[in-house]
Protein backbone atom coordinates (compact mmCIF):
# COMPACT_ATOMS: atom_id res chain seq x y z
CA MET A 1 -11.38 -19.23 -8.85
CA LEU A 2 -10.25 -16.16 -6.94
CA LYS A 3 -11.72 -15.84 -3.45
CA ILE A 4 -11.70 -12.56 -1.51
CA TYR A 5 -12.44 -12.04 2.18
CA ASN A 6 -15.38 -9.66 2.02
CA THR A 7 -15.48 -7.54 5.17
CA ILE A 8 -19.20 -6.87 4.88
CA ALA A 9 -19.98 -10.60 4.54
CA ARG A 10 -17.32 -11.64 7.08
CA GLU A 11 -16.22 -14.57 4.94
CA LYS A 12 -14.23 -15.48 1.85
CA GLN A 13 -16.36 -15.32 -1.26
CA GLU A 14 -15.77 -16.29 -4.87
CA PHE A 15 -14.98 -13.17 -6.86
CA VAL A 16 -17.46 -12.63 -9.66
CA PRO A 17 -17.02 -9.29 -11.46
CA ILE A 18 -20.12 -7.26 -12.27
CA GLU A 19 -18.97 -7.21 -15.89
CA ALA A 20 -17.23 -10.36 -17.10
CA GLY A 21 -13.50 -9.87 -17.59
CA LYS A 22 -13.45 -6.40 -16.07
CA VAL A 23 -12.82 -5.14 -12.53
CA LYS A 24 -13.52 -1.73 -11.06
CA MET A 25 -11.59 -1.06 -7.84
CA TYR A 26 -11.45 1.99 -5.58
CA VAL A 27 -8.94 2.42 -2.73
CA CYS A 28 -8.92 5.29 -0.26
CA GLY A 29 -5.67 7.17 -0.69
CA MET A 30 -3.73 9.76 1.26
CA THR A 31 -4.60 13.04 2.93
CA VAL A 32 -1.61 15.06 1.76
CA TYR A 33 -0.43 17.33 4.58
CA ASP A 34 2.71 15.41 5.60
CA PHE A 35 5.06 12.66 4.43
CA CYS A 36 3.57 9.18 4.05
CA HIS A 37 4.16 6.82 6.98
CA LEU A 38 4.44 3.04 7.33
CA GLY A 39 0.66 2.61 7.44
CA HIS A 40 0.43 4.35 4.07
CA ALA A 41 3.24 2.14 2.75
CA ARG A 42 1.20 -0.94 3.60
CA VAL A 43 -1.93 0.33 1.81
CA LEU A 44 0.14 1.28 -1.24
CA VAL A 45 1.96 -2.07 -1.49
CA VAL A 46 -1.00 -4.31 -0.54
CA PHE A 47 -3.37 -2.91 -3.14
CA ASP A 48 -0.58 -2.71 -5.71
CA ALA A 49 -0.21 -6.47 -5.24
CA VAL A 50 -3.98 -6.90 -5.61
CA TYR A 51 -3.92 -4.75 -8.76
CA ARG A 52 -1.02 -6.77 -10.21
CA TRP A 53 -2.66 -10.13 -9.46
CA LEU A 54 -6.02 -9.15 -10.96
CA ARG A 55 -4.26 -8.14 -14.16
CA ALA A 56 -2.04 -11.25 -14.12
CA SER A 57 -5.30 -13.21 -13.94
CA GLY A 58 -6.32 -11.75 -17.28
CA LEU A 59 -8.75 -9.14 -15.95
CA ASP A 60 -9.07 -5.61 -17.30
CA VAL A 61 -8.76 -3.46 -14.16
CA THR A 62 -9.77 0.15 -13.65
CA TYR A 63 -8.05 1.17 -10.41
CA VAL A 64 -8.89 4.45 -8.70
CA ARG A 65 -6.90 5.71 -5.70
CA ASN A 66 -7.96 9.17 -4.57
CA ILE A 67 -6.06 12.06 -3.03
CA THR A 68 -7.68 14.15 -0.29
CA ASP A 69 -6.29 17.63 -0.86
CA ILE A 70 -8.69 19.63 1.32
CA ASP A 71 -9.56 19.02 4.99
CA ASP A 72 -9.05 20.51 8.45
CA LYS A 73 -5.51 19.14 8.88
CA ILE A 74 -4.40 20.47 5.51
CA ILE A 75 -5.82 23.93 6.22
CA ARG A 76 -4.19 24.01 9.67
CA ARG A 77 -0.79 22.84 8.41
CA ALA A 78 -0.75 25.37 5.56
CA VAL A 79 -1.44 28.19 8.04
CA GLU A 80 1.30 26.90 10.36
CA ASN A 81 3.78 26.77 7.47
CA GLY A 82 2.80 30.13 6.04
CA GLU A 83 2.10 28.65 2.60
CA THR A 84 -0.93 28.19 0.41
CA ILE A 85 -2.94 24.98 0.50
CA GLY A 86 -1.94 24.33 -3.12
CA GLN A 87 1.75 24.69 -2.31
CA LEU A 88 1.43 22.31 0.64
CA THR A 89 -0.57 19.64 -1.16
CA ASP A 90 1.47 19.77 -4.37
CA ARG A 91 4.67 19.28 -2.36
CA PHE A 92 3.37 16.27 -0.47
CA ILE A 93 1.73 14.71 -3.52
CA ALA A 94 5.15 14.84 -5.21
CA ALA A 95 6.73 13.26 -2.10
CA MET A 96 4.05 10.56 -2.04
CA ASP A 97 4.71 9.75 -5.69
CA GLU A 98 8.45 9.43 -4.99
CA ASP A 99 7.84 7.11 -2.03
CA ALA A 100 5.37 4.96 -3.97
CA ALA A 101 7.72 4.66 -6.95
CA ALA A 102 10.60 3.65 -4.65
CA LEU A 103 8.42 0.85 -3.23
CA GLY A 104 7.64 -0.43 -6.74
CA VAL A 105 4.02 0.72 -6.60
CA GLN A 106 2.45 1.16 -10.01
CA LYS A 107 0.33 4.21 -10.73
CA PRO A 108 -3.43 3.59 -10.57
CA THR A 109 -5.62 4.13 -13.61
CA HIS A 110 -7.03 7.32 -12.07
CA GLU A 111 -5.75 9.41 -9.17
CA PRO A 112 -8.44 12.07 -8.62
CA ARG A 113 -8.01 15.00 -6.26
CA ALA A 114 -10.97 15.87 -4.06
CA THR A 115 -10.91 19.56 -5.02
CA GLU A 116 -11.55 18.59 -8.66
CA TYR A 117 -14.84 16.86 -7.78
CA VAL A 118 -16.76 19.46 -5.75
CA PRO A 119 -19.57 19.74 -8.38
CA GLN A 120 -20.13 15.96 -8.20
CA MET A 121 -20.19 16.16 -4.38
CA LEU A 122 -22.81 18.91 -4.50
CA GLY A 123 -24.93 16.80 -6.85
CA LEU A 124 -24.73 13.85 -4.48
CA ILE A 125 -25.67 15.97 -1.45
CA GLY A 126 -28.60 17.42 -3.39
CA GLN A 127 -29.85 13.91 -4.20
CA LEU A 128 -29.57 12.91 -0.53
CA GLU A 129 -31.56 15.98 0.48
CA ALA A 130 -34.23 15.15 -2.13
CA ASN A 131 -34.39 11.61 -0.73
CA GLY A 132 -34.97 12.92 2.81
CA LEU A 133 -31.57 11.77 4.11
CA ALA A 134 -29.80 15.15 4.43
CA TYR A 135 -30.72 18.39 6.18
CA LYS A 136 -29.25 21.83 6.65
CA ALA A 137 -28.59 22.50 10.33
CA ALA A 138 -28.89 25.79 12.16
CA ASP A 139 -25.13 26.32 12.03
CA GLY A 140 -25.10 26.13 8.22
CA ASP A 141 -23.67 22.63 7.91
CA VAL A 142 -25.48 20.00 5.84
CA ASN A 143 -25.66 16.67 7.71
CA PHE A 144 -26.63 13.09 6.88
CA SER A 145 -29.49 11.59 8.94
CA VAL A 146 -27.98 8.27 9.99
CA ARG A 147 -31.11 6.83 11.62
CA LYS A 148 -33.11 7.35 8.42
CA PHE A 149 -30.82 5.02 6.47
CA PRO A 150 -31.77 1.35 6.99
CA GLY A 151 -28.85 -0.98 7.55
CA TYR A 152 -26.37 1.61 8.84
CA GLY A 153 -23.65 -0.27 10.72
CA ARG A 154 -23.67 -3.49 8.71
CA LEU A 155 -20.06 -3.05 7.53
CA SER A 156 -18.68 -2.42 11.02
CA GLY A 157 -21.11 -4.90 12.59
CA LYS A 158 -22.37 -2.44 15.18
CA SER A 159 -25.91 -1.50 16.10
CA LEU A 160 -26.97 2.14 16.02
CA ASP A 161 -27.25 2.21 19.80
CA ASP A 162 -23.64 1.03 20.15
CA LEU A 163 -22.17 3.44 17.64
CA ARG A 164 -20.50 6.72 18.46
CA ALA A 165 -20.19 9.62 16.09
CA GLY A 166 -17.04 9.69 13.99
CA GLU A 167 -16.33 13.21 15.22
CA ARG A 168 -16.67 14.51 18.78
CA VAL A 169 -20.09 16.11 19.24
CA GLU A 170 -20.40 19.31 21.23
CA VAL A 171 -23.22 19.67 23.74
CA ASP A 172 -24.77 22.50 21.73
CA SER A 173 -24.30 20.76 18.38
CA ALA A 174 -26.76 21.65 15.67
CA LYS A 175 -27.01 17.99 14.63
CA GLN A 176 -30.40 16.37 15.03
CA ASP A 177 -28.70 13.21 16.27
CA PRO A 178 -25.15 12.70 17.61
CA LEU A 179 -24.57 9.96 14.99
CA ASP A 180 -25.28 12.28 12.07
CA PHE A 181 -22.22 13.24 10.07
CA VAL A 182 -21.38 16.30 8.02
CA LEU A 183 -21.69 16.36 4.24
CA TRP A 184 -21.03 20.06 3.69
CA LYS A 185 -19.25 22.40 6.13
CA HIS A 186 -20.30 26.04 6.22
CA ALA A 187 -17.60 28.56 5.34
CA LYS A 188 -15.36 29.95 8.07
CA ALA A 189 -13.32 33.11 7.81
CA GLY A 190 -9.98 32.60 6.10
CA GLU A 191 -10.75 29.08 4.88
CA PRO A 192 -11.22 28.01 1.26
CA ALA A 193 -14.86 27.79 0.21
CA TRP A 194 -17.05 26.88 -2.76
CA GLU A 195 -20.51 28.17 -3.53
CA SER A 196 -23.39 25.74 -3.02
CA PRO A 197 -27.20 25.71 -2.73
CA TRP A 198 -26.71 25.70 1.06
CA GLY A 199 -24.29 28.60 1.13
CA ALA A 200 -20.52 28.89 0.80
CA GLY A 201 -18.55 26.05 2.32
CA ARG A 202 -16.46 22.98 1.63
CA PRO A 203 -17.11 19.23 1.50
CA GLY A 204 -16.96 16.88 4.44
CA TRP A 205 -14.40 14.09 4.24
CA HIS A 206 -16.74 11.15 3.64
CA ILE A 207 -18.64 12.63 0.68
CA GLU A 208 -15.42 12.95 -1.34
CA CYS A 209 -14.96 9.23 -1.95
CA SER A 210 -18.63 8.61 -2.75
CA ALA A 211 -18.52 11.32 -5.41
CA MET A 212 -15.18 10.35 -6.96
CA SER A 213 -15.90 6.62 -7.06
CA SER A 214 -19.36 6.99 -8.59
CA ASP A 215 -18.09 9.43 -11.21
CA LEU A 216 -15.14 7.26 -12.29
CA LEU A 217 -16.46 3.74 -11.67
CA GLY A 218 -20.25 4.07 -11.62
CA LYS A 219 -22.88 3.79 -8.89
CA HIS A 220 -22.16 0.08 -8.37
CA PHE A 221 -18.64 -1.39 -8.64
CA ASP A 222 -16.62 -4.44 -7.65
CA ILE A 223 -13.98 -3.76 -4.98
CA HIS A 224 -13.46 -1.03 -2.40
CA GLY A 225 -10.33 -1.15 -0.28
CA GLY A 226 -8.43 0.69 2.42
CA GLY A 227 -6.90 0.41 5.85
CA GLN A 228 -8.77 -1.29 8.69
CA ASP A 229 -9.01 2.08 10.46
CA LEU A 230 -11.32 3.35 7.68
CA GLN A 231 -13.95 0.67 8.17
CA PHE A 232 -15.78 2.94 10.62
CA PRO A 233 -16.83 5.64 10.25
CA HIS A 234 -15.47 6.45 6.78
CA HIS A 235 -16.50 3.39 4.77
CA GLU A 236 -19.72 2.95 6.74
CA ASN A 237 -20.62 6.52 5.82
CA GLU A 238 -19.67 6.00 2.18
CA ILE A 239 -22.18 3.15 1.97
CA ALA A 240 -24.91 5.28 3.55
CA GLN A 241 -24.26 8.25 1.25
CA SER A 242 -23.89 6.26 -1.97
CA GLU A 243 -26.76 3.85 -1.47
CA GLY A 244 -28.93 6.56 0.05
CA ALA A 245 -28.45 8.73 -3.04
CA HIS A 246 -28.49 6.10 -5.78
CA GLY A 247 -30.83 3.46 -4.35
CA CYS A 248 -28.64 0.51 -5.34
CA THR A 249 -25.79 -1.61 -3.94
CA PHE A 250 -22.61 0.48 -3.70
CA VAL A 251 -19.81 -2.13 -3.59
CA ASN A 252 -19.76 -5.92 -3.87
CA TYR A 253 -16.46 -6.70 -2.08
CA TRP A 254 -14.91 -4.71 0.77
CA MET A 255 -11.22 -5.28 1.54
CA HIS A 256 -9.34 -3.93 4.57
CA ASN A 257 -5.65 -4.38 5.38
CA GLY A 258 -4.50 -4.78 8.97
CA PHE A 259 -2.74 -2.26 11.19
CA VAL A 260 0.99 -1.62 11.35
CA ARG A 261 2.56 -2.02 14.78
CA VAL A 262 6.10 -1.10 15.85
CA ASP A 263 7.79 -3.58 18.17
CA ASP A 264 4.29 -4.88 19.07
CA GLU A 265 3.00 -1.42 19.97
CA LYS A 266 0.61 0.79 18.04
CA MET A 267 2.52 3.28 15.91
CA SER A 268 1.94 6.83 17.16
CA LYS A 269 3.84 10.08 17.41
CA SER A 270 3.11 10.27 21.15
CA LEU A 271 4.96 6.99 21.72
CA GLY A 272 7.92 8.15 19.66
CA ASN A 273 7.68 5.12 17.36
CA PHE A 274 6.26 6.88 14.33
CA PHE A 275 8.14 6.30 11.07
CA THR A 276 7.67 7.85 7.67
CA ILE A 277 8.50 5.84 4.56
CA ARG A 278 11.45 8.17 4.09
CA ASP A 279 12.74 7.39 7.59
CA VAL A 280 12.72 3.68 6.80
CA LEU A 281 14.28 4.04 3.34
CA LYS A 282 17.25 5.83 4.87
CA LYS A 283 18.09 2.54 6.56
CA TYR A 284 16.68 -0.18 4.32
CA ASP A 285 16.54 -0.88 0.61
CA ALA A 286 13.05 -0.11 -0.77
CA GLU A 287 12.62 -3.61 -2.21
CA VAL A 288 13.40 -5.06 1.22
CA VAL A 289 10.56 -2.95 2.66
CA ARG A 290 8.19 -4.12 -0.09
CA PHE A 291 9.17 -7.74 0.55
CA PHE A 292 8.66 -7.25 4.30
CA ILE A 293 5.12 -5.93 3.74
CA LEU A 294 4.19 -8.77 1.38
CA ARG A 295 5.60 -11.36 3.76
CA ALA A 296 2.57 -10.87 6.02
CA HIS A 297 -1.00 -11.58 4.92
CA TYR A 298 -2.68 -8.27 4.18
CA ARG A 299 -5.43 -8.78 6.77
CA SER A 300 -3.05 -9.62 9.62
CA PRO A 301 -1.22 -7.06 11.80
CA LEU A 302 2.21 -6.10 10.46
CA ASN A 303 4.84 -5.77 13.18
CA TYR A 304 7.67 -3.45 12.18
CA SER A 305 11.07 -3.77 13.85
CA ASP A 306 14.70 -3.55 12.80
CA ALA A 307 15.05 -7.27 13.47
CA HIS A 308 12.19 -8.09 11.10
CA LEU A 309 13.60 -5.80 8.39
CA ASP A 310 17.06 -7.32 8.80
CA ASP A 311 15.53 -10.78 8.44
CA ALA A 312 13.63 -9.63 5.33
CA ARG A 313 16.89 -8.37 3.83
CA GLN A 314 18.57 -11.73 4.41
CA ALA A 315 15.58 -13.57 2.92
CA LEU A 316 15.51 -11.38 -0.18
CA THR A 317 19.27 -11.89 -0.52
CA ARG A 318 18.70 -15.67 -0.62
CA LEU A 319 16.21 -15.23 -3.47
CA TYR A 320 18.52 -12.96 -5.45
CA THR A 321 21.41 -15.39 -4.94
CA ALA A 322 19.33 -18.05 -6.73
CA LEU A 323 18.97 -15.81 -9.80
CA LYS A 324 22.59 -15.95 -10.91
CA ALA A 325 21.76 -18.44 -13.67
CA ALA A 326 18.66 -16.54 -14.83
CA PRO A 327 18.80 -14.95 -18.29
CA ALA A 328 18.97 -11.15 -18.29
CA GLU A 329 15.97 -10.81 -20.59
CA ALA A 330 12.48 -11.14 -19.13
CA VAL A 331 10.55 -14.35 -19.73
CA ALA A 332 6.84 -15.08 -19.30
CA VAL A 333 5.57 -17.23 -16.43
CA ASP A 334 4.95 -20.87 -17.35
CA TRP A 335 1.59 -21.25 -15.57
CA ASN A 336 1.49 -24.99 -16.31
CA GLU A 337 4.58 -25.58 -14.15
CA ALA A 338 3.95 -27.02 -10.67
CA HIS A 339 5.40 -24.10 -8.67
CA ALA A 340 3.42 -21.59 -10.71
CA GLN A 341 0.22 -23.51 -10.06
CA ARG A 342 0.90 -23.44 -6.31
CA PHE A 343 1.67 -19.72 -6.56
CA GLN A 344 -1.61 -19.15 -8.39
CA ALA A 345 -3.55 -21.15 -5.82
CA ALA A 346 -2.03 -19.05 -3.02
CA MET A 347 -2.86 -15.73 -4.67
CA ASP A 348 -6.36 -16.91 -5.56
CA ASP A 349 -6.89 -17.66 -1.86
CA ASP A 350 -7.52 -14.07 -0.77
CA PHE A 351 -4.16 -12.80 -2.07
CA ASN A 352 -2.11 -15.03 0.24
CA THR A 353 1.28 -13.46 -0.44
CA PRO A 354 3.09 -15.28 2.43
CA GLU A 355 2.26 -18.62 0.81
CA ALA A 356 3.14 -17.28 -2.64
CA LEU A 357 6.54 -16.17 -1.31
CA ALA A 358 7.06 -19.63 0.20
CA VAL A 359 6.69 -21.03 -3.32
CA LEU A 360 9.43 -18.65 -4.48
CA PHE A 361 11.80 -20.01 -1.83
CA ASP A 362 11.07 -23.57 -2.95
CA LEU A 363 11.91 -22.52 -6.52
CA ALA A 364 15.08 -20.80 -5.29
CA ASN A 365 16.20 -23.99 -3.55
CA GLU A 366 15.65 -25.94 -6.75
CA ALA A 367 17.50 -23.32 -8.81
CA ASN A 368 20.47 -23.49 -6.43
CA ARG A 369 20.56 -27.28 -6.61
CA SER A 370 20.08 -27.67 -10.34
CA LYS A 371 21.89 -24.54 -11.60
CA ASP A 372 19.19 -24.65 -14.29
CA GLY A 373 18.66 -21.29 -15.97
CA ALA A 374 15.04 -22.18 -16.81
CA VAL A 375 14.23 -22.68 -13.13
CA ALA A 376 15.85 -19.38 -12.22
CA ALA A 377 13.94 -17.68 -15.04
CA GLN A 378 10.65 -19.06 -13.71
CA LEU A 379 11.57 -17.75 -10.24
CA LYS A 380 12.23 -14.28 -11.61
CA ALA A 381 9.04 -14.28 -13.68
CA LEU A 382 6.81 -15.38 -10.80
CA ALA A 383 8.41 -12.89 -8.41
CA GLY A 384 7.80 -10.18 -10.99
CA VAL A 385 4.05 -10.73 -10.57
CA LEU A 386 4.52 -9.31 -7.06
CA GLY A 387 6.95 -6.60 -8.16
CA LEU A 388 10.02 -8.39 -6.77
CA LEU A 389 13.40 -9.68 -8.05
CA GLN A 390 13.51 -7.59 -11.20
CA ARG A 391 16.94 -6.01 -10.60
CA ASP A 392 20.27 -7.36 -11.74
CA PRO A 393 21.20 -9.92 -9.05
CA GLN A 394 24.76 -8.68 -8.70
CA ALA A 395 23.57 -5.08 -8.41
CA PHE A 396 21.32 -6.07 -5.50
CA LEU A 397 23.80 -8.40 -3.82
CA GLN A 398 26.67 -5.93 -4.09
CA GLY A 399 24.65 -2.81 -3.33
CA ALA A 400 25.34 -1.05 -0.06
CA THR A 401 22.38 -0.65 2.28
CA PRO A 402 21.28 2.98 2.75
CA ASP A 403 22.77 3.08 6.26
CA ALA A 404 26.13 1.61 5.18
CA ALA A 405 27.49 4.48 3.12
CA ASP A 406 30.74 4.39 5.12
CA GLY A 407 31.39 0.73 4.16
CA LEU A 408 33.89 -0.52 1.63
CA SER A 409 33.37 0.65 -1.94
CA PRO A 410 33.22 -1.90 -4.79
CA ALA A 411 36.67 -0.76 -5.94
CA GLU A 412 38.13 -1.33 -2.45
CA ILE A 413 36.51 -4.76 -2.29
CA GLU A 414 37.83 -5.77 -5.72
CA ALA A 415 41.33 -4.59 -4.71
CA ARG A 416 41.26 -6.87 -1.65
CA ILE A 417 39.96 -9.79 -3.71
CA GLN A 418 42.84 -9.33 -6.15
CA ALA A 419 45.29 -9.15 -3.24
CA ARG A 420 43.86 -12.42 -1.93
CA ILE A 421 44.22 -14.03 -5.38
CA ASP A 422 47.84 -12.87 -5.50
CA ALA A 423 48.48 -14.22 -2.00
CA LYS A 424 47.07 -17.62 -2.95
CA LYS A 425 49.24 -17.72 -6.07
CA ALA A 426 52.27 -17.01 -3.86
CA LYS A 427 51.06 -19.80 -1.56
CA ASN A 428 50.70 -17.24 1.25
CA PHE A 429 47.51 -18.87 2.51
CA ALA A 430 47.64 -17.14 5.89
CA GLU A 431 47.45 -13.77 4.14
CA ALA A 432 44.66 -15.02 1.87
CA ASP A 433 42.68 -16.18 4.92
CA ARG A 434 43.33 -12.85 6.65
CA LEU A 435 41.96 -10.90 3.68
CA ARG A 436 38.84 -13.10 3.54
CA ALA A 437 38.28 -12.59 7.28
CA GLU A 438 38.84 -8.84 6.93
CA LEU A 439 36.22 -8.64 4.19
CA LEU A 440 33.78 -10.78 6.17
CA ALA A 441 34.21 -8.48 9.17
CA ALA A 442 33.27 -5.62 6.84
CA GLY A 443 30.10 -7.48 5.80
CA ILE A 444 31.46 -8.85 2.51
CA VAL A 445 30.96 -12.55 1.72
CA LEU A 446 33.28 -14.14 -0.87
CA GLU A 447 32.13 -17.05 -3.02
CA ASP A 448 34.81 -19.07 -4.85
CA SER A 449 33.98 -21.17 -7.90
CA ALA A 450 35.68 -22.55 -10.99
CA GLN A 451 34.77 -19.31 -12.76
CA GLY A 452 36.52 -17.19 -10.13
CA THR A 453 35.60 -15.25 -6.99
CA THR A 454 32.42 -13.23 -6.63
CA TRP A 455 31.24 -11.25 -3.66
CA ARG A 456 28.07 -10.01 -2.03
CA ARG A 457 27.18 -7.94 0.97
CA ALA A 458 26.06 -9.97 3.99
């Protein structure tokens, strides 16, 4: 039985879908005004692993990951760049798709853009107003009355008196209460706007997800996920909006992945330790980055450093080395096999990918000892559940890392291997040893066997 740590319950709970055999999952996606960073990479990979495991468990999953393509940052960046909002957002959506694909992230079932759901947002705001939970302020904004919604703060675990508004509140704010948050922003000169019953304007950030999720998944669905930073105020406000409008439970299970840190410090541009996915992929293979993210439990902090990525590369190399005897064609997982059962138990325990990866290393050790193709095939099949180890082993082991373009080419390596073979035939063992050492110094490891000499990059 799958158990999920439910943020709102603060404990692991058995997962029971609303509709037997089916799962509806919504994950907060990107605000597309810049390239995706490491924090985005973690959200993408973590919930891709969740998506994969739910489906591997025989569940029919409808997965929605939204795109925020209108907000203050987007408007400001488009003005700075001298381009339209559509040009800006289309460019960064394309870049996001490239980054996600490189990391082995599968496309969700639906990927709605906020600007396509303004009518649904207006309907939701209208229902909140009818229910006495929304009001039009003197400045033209429509706000949510936080204190009129019972239970506000139960996701974040804070009392109303302890909470602070999600946005900074000016002294002369038109809000009735500092905790109130905006549902509809009145139009400002030069900004995009839509007509509404409250005048021209555009949606607030929080209302977007409530509208898109209810339209695509219904008023009540199974799983809502996102980064830990979204727990308050964004997800707290989603609950208030959705339950305030519909009068029923919004989500059964809330999942939040932990923060990304860089060398044990919070990642931020001001500290100069801010990395986009593209920055990292210039230096490290994308599968290494995926493996690195999955090596930590999704709820724990993820500490990025070159040393940790180098270690992840070596670990993934050990797994690929064990696949040499695996058949090229894909095989199905044998779920009755002992390692697979341990893997399943790990993933059913709140998607414990570190423990699942430990099972893969045990299988790799057995494959190396036994040279049994069936064991290697099981390793490849199980790893495939997490989106790993699906490349040709030699292609991975002999592939240059992105930052090693000036290293020896495969042709140069093969030429030196042949020269070493010739030296050994001539009984010039000193020259053969020199060539091996030269290759090792260049990061090339030779492996001699009865079938000949193969090589891999260290």
